[in-house]
């Protein structure tokens, strides 16, 4: 009888370990996405500022950067929602599977 309990406890622990691993994956993916996104954000460098001769050049550079970084922000949002969606679908599938096993 104790042997059966031990096996059941081990199976329960293994299932929880798998769930914890799946929960960790989206956090890691978001962290990697954050780093990648921050590394790709552009800004006006000091040497570029020194070469500007007219105020409209500065305005043009700022607008171009705003548009470029805006696209990167939209890409970030899309990728982060995909990560979240994948995580939620995985949890729902696991919950359905667990509920079906209990029946």
Protein backbone atom coordinates (compact mmCIF):
# COMPACT_ATOMS: atom_id res chain seq x y z
CA UNK A 1 0.00 0.00 0.00
CA UNK A 2 2.82 2.42 0.83
CA UNK A 3 4.44 1.61 -2.49
CA UNK A 4 1.26 2.70 -4.33
CA UNK A 5 1.13 5.93 -2.31
CA UNK A 6 4.76 6.63 -3.09
CA UNK A 7 4.16 6.17 -6.82
CA UNK A 8 1.07 8.40 -6.69
CA UNK A 9 3.01 11.11 -4.83
CA UNK A 10 5.85 10.85 -7.33
CA UNK A 11 3.42 11.17 -10.27
CA UNK A 12 1.78 14.16 -8.58
CA UNK A 13 5.18 15.80 -8.04
CA UNK A 14 6.20 15.16 -11.65
CA UNK A 15 2.97 16.76 -12.92
CA UNK A 16 3.54 19.85 -10.76
CA UNK A 17 7.15 20.05 -11.96
CA UNK A 18 5.95 20.01 -15.55
CA UNK A 19 3.36 22.72 -14.82
CA UNK A 20 6.03 24.88 -13.13
CA UNK A 21 8.31 24.45 -16.14
CA UNK A 22 5.51 25.50 -18.51
CA UNK A 23 4.74 28.53 -16.35
CA UNK A 24 8.39 29.58 -16.41
CA UNK A 25 8.65 29.49 -20.22
CA UNK A 26 6.49 32.59 -20.93
CA UNK A 27 8.37 34.61 -18.29
CA UNK A 28 11.66 33.71 -19.91
CA UNK A 29 10.28 34.50 -23.38
CA UNK A 30 9.03 37.92 -22.20
CA UNK A 31 12.40 38.68 -20.57
CA UNK A 32 14.23 37.80 -23.79
CA UNK A 33 11.77 39.90 -25.81
CA UNK A 34 12.30 42.84 -23.43
CA UNK A 35 16.08 42.69 -23.81
CA UNK A 36 15.91 42.33 -27.59
CA UNK A 37 13.43 45.20 -27.91
CA UNK A 38 15.42 47.55 -25.69
CA UNK A 39 18.60 46.77 -27.61
CA UNK A 40 16.89 47.70 -30.88
CA UNK A 41 15.39 51.03 -29.80
CA UNK A 42 17.15 53.86 -31.60
CA UNK A 43 17.84 57.38 -30.44
CA UNK A 44 19.68 60.43 -31.75
CA UNK A 45 23.37 60.03 -30.99
CA UNK A 46 25.43 63.01 -29.81
CA UNK A 47 27.55 62.97 -32.98
CA UNK A 48 24.38 63.20 -35.05
CA UNK A 49 23.24 66.21 -33.02
CA UNK A 50 26.54 67.94 -33.71
CA UNK A 51 26.05 67.58 -37.47
CA UNK A 52 22.57 69.16 -37.51
CA UNK A 53 22.61 72.56 -39.16
CA UNK A 54 18.91 73.46 -39.26
CA UNK A 55 16.09 72.99 -36.73
CA UNK A 56 14.00 71.16 -39.32
CA UNK A 57 16.73 68.49 -39.60
CA UNK A 58 16.36 67.80 -35.89
CA UNK A 59 12.58 67.62 -36.21
CA UNK A 60 12.88 65.27 -39.20
CA UNK A 61 15.25 62.96 -37.29
CA UNK A 62 12.94 62.95 -34.26
CA UNK A 63 9.89 62.13 -36.37
CA UNK A 64 11.73 59.34 -38.18
CA UNK A 65 12.86 57.87 -34.86
CA UNK A 66 9.36 58.14 -33.42
CA UNK A 67 7.91 56.26 -36.39
CA UNK A 68 10.67 53.63 -36.36
CA UNK A 69 10.45 53.08 -32.60
CA UNK A 70 6.64 53.11 -32.80
CA UNK A 71 6.78 50.18 -35.22
CA UNK A 72 9.12 48.37 -32.84
CA UNK A 73 6.70 48.99 -29.97
CA UNK A 74 3.85 47.54 -32.03
CA UNK A 75 5.97 44.50 -32.89
CA UNK A 76 6.77 44.12 -29.19
CA UNK A 77 3.09 44.20 -28.26
CA UNK A 78 2.20 41.65 -30.93
CA UNK A 79 4.95 39.26 -29.84
CA UNK A 80 4.13 39.67 -26.15
CA UNK A 81 0.45 38.91 -26.82
CA UNK A 82 1.48 35.81 -28.80
CA UNK A 83 3.57 34.62 -25.84
CA UNK A 84 0.68 35.26 -23.45
CA UNK A 85 -1.81 33.54 -25.76
CA UNK A 86 0.42 30.47 -26.11
CA UNK A 87 0.80 30.27 -22.32
CA UNK A 88 -2.94 30.59 -21.72
CA UNK A 89 -3.80 27.97 -24.34
CA UNK A 90 -1.31 25.59 -22.77
CA UNK A 91 -2.86 26.08 -19.32
CA UNK A 92 -6.38 25.61 -20.66
CA UNK A 93 -5.36 22.42 -22.48
CA UNK A 94 -3.74 21.12 -19.31
CA UNK A 95 -6.84 21.95 -17.24
CA UNK A 96 -9.07 20.16 -19.75
CA UNK A 97 -6.78 17.15 -19.74
CA UNK A 98 -6.71 17.04 -15.94
CA UNK A 99 -10.51 17.38 -15.75
CA UNK A 100 -10.95 14.55 -18.27
CA UNK A 101 -8.58 12.30 -16.28
CA UNK A 102 -10.60 12.85 -13.11
CA UNK A 103 -13.86 11.68 -14.73
